[in-house]
Amino acid sequence: LSVEFILGLFAAGWTELQILESYPTLTRESIRAIFAFTVECMQDEVIYTLAPMAEAR
């Protein structure tokens, strides 16, 4: 299972319990490691939010 896959499950609304029950080889510690890895990868990234564009008329 990839980091991207597990994060995608969370993004889709899965809970930690649902993930752990569906993928018994994962542990709470491995899920925490996924988030720690993601934080490390993103620490120097800048994320800009854009204002919604007015709808074309």
C-alpha atoms as a PDB file:
ATOM      1  CA  LEU A   1       0.000   0.000   0.000  1.00  0.00           C
ATOM      2  CA  SER A   2       1.407   3.375  -0.952  1.00  0.00           C
ATOM      3  CA  VAL A   3       1.401   6.606   1.032  1.00  0.00           C
ATOM      4  CA  GLU A   4      -0.659   8.146  -1.762  1.00  0.00           C
ATOM      5  CA  PHE A   5      -3.245   5.354  -1.537  1.00  0.00           C
ATOM      6  CA  ILE A   6      -3.668   5.673   2.246  1.00  0.00           C
ATOM      7  CA  LEU A   7      -3.897   9.470   2.087  1.00  0.00           C
ATOM      8  CA  GLY A   8      -6.470   9.065  -0.679  1.00  0.00           C
ATOM      9  CA  LEU A   9      -8.602   6.919   1.606  1.00  0.00           C
ATOM     10  CA  PHE A  10      -8.545   9.658   4.248  1.00  0.00           C
ATOM     11  CA  ALA A  11      -9.349  12.262   1.571  1.00  0.00           C
ATOM     12  CA  ALA A  12     -12.319  10.128   0.509  1.00  0.00           C
ATOM     13  CA  GLY A  13     -13.678  10.241   4.058  1.00  0.00           C
ATOM     14  CA  TRP A  14     -12.465   6.931   5.458  1.00  0.00           C
ATOM     15  CA  THR A  15     -11.735   6.885   9.181  1.00  0.00           C
ATOM     16  CA  GLU A  16      -8.596   5.467  10.726  1.00  0.00           C
ATOM     17  CA  LEU A  17     -10.660   2.590  12.118  1.00  0.00           C
ATOM     18  CA  GLN A  18     -12.116   1.757   8.691  1.00  0.00           C
ATOM     19  CA  ILE A  19      -8.643   1.709   7.166  1.00  0.00           C
ATOM     20  CA  LEU A  20      -7.186  -0.442   9.939  1.00  0.00           C
ATOM     21  CA  GLU A  21     -10.072  -2.916   9.695  1.00  0.00           C
ATOM     22  CA  SER A  22      -9.841  -3.091   5.896  1.00  0.00           C
ATOM     23  CA  TYR A  23      -6.045  -3.390   5.782  1.00  0.00           C
ATOM     24  CA  PRO A  24      -5.001  -5.417   8.845  1.00  0.00           C
ATOM     25  CA  THR A  25      -1.300  -5.262   7.958  1.00  0.00           C
ATOM     26  CA  LEU A  26      -1.372  -1.547   8.796  1.00  0.00           C
ATOM     27  CA  THR A  27      -0.950  -0.293  12.338  1.00  0.00           C
ATOM     28  CA  ARG A  28      -1.726   3.017  14.003  1.00  0.00           C
ATOM     29  CA  GLU A  29       2.026   3.601  14.083  1.00  0.00           C
ATOM     30  CA  SER A  30       2.319   3.096  10.330  1.00  0.00           C
ATOM     31  CA  ILE A  31      -0.490   5.586   9.728  1.00  0.00           C
ATOM     32  CA  ARG A  32       1.268   8.126  11.955  1.00  0.00           C
ATOM     33  CA  ALA A  33       4.446   7.469   9.959  1.00  0.00           C
ATOM     34  CA  ILE A  34       2.544   8.238   6.744  1.00  0.00           C
ATOM     35  CA  PHE A  35       1.500  11.622   8.112  1.00  0.00           C
ATOM     36  CA  ALA A  36       5.008  12.325   9.444  1.00  0.00           C
ATOM     37  CA  PHE A  37       6.464  11.500   6.022  1.00  0.00           C
ATOM     38  CA  THR A  38       3.932  13.776   4.328  1.00  0.00           C
ATOM     39  CA  VAL A  39       4.731  16.642   6.700  1.00  0.00           C
ATOM     40  CA  GLU A  40       8.430  16.218   5.983  1.00  0.00           C
ATOM     41  CA  CYS A  41       7.815  16.234   2.222  1.00  0.00           C
ATOM     42  CA  MET A  42       5.582  19.301   2.385  1.00  0.00           C
ATOM     43  CA  GLN A  43       7.495  21.411   4.907  1.00  0.00           C
ATOM     44  CA  ASP A  44       9.114  23.669   2.299  1.00  0.00           C
ATOM     45  CA  GLU A  45       6.101  23.834   0.000  1.00  0.00           C
ATOM     46  CA  VAL A  46       3.970  26.938  -0.338  1.00  0.00           C
ATOM     47  CA  ILE A  47       0.312  26.406  -1.103  1.00  0.00           C
ATOM     48  CA  TYR A  48      -1.672  29.261  -2.566  1.00  0.00           C
ATOM     49  CA  THR A  49      -5.431  29.393  -2.454  1.00  0.00           C
ATOM     50  CA  LEU A  50      -7.246  31.057  -5.297  1.00  0.00           C
ATOM     51  CA  ALA A  51     -10.373  33.115  -4.992  1.00  0.00           C
ATOM     52  CA  PRO A  52     -13.304  31.561  -6.856  1.00  0.00           C
ATOM     53  CA  MET A  53     -13.719  32.960 -10.343  1.00  0.00           C
ATOM     54  CA  ALA A  54     -16.954  34.746 -11.173  1.00  0.00           C
ATOM     55  CA  GLU A  55     -19.174  32.575 -13.325  1.00  0.00           C
ATOM     56  CA  ALA A  56     -19.154  33.441 -17.021  1.00  0.00           C
ATOM     57  CA  ARG A  57     -22.400  34.992 -18.129  1.00  0.00           C
END
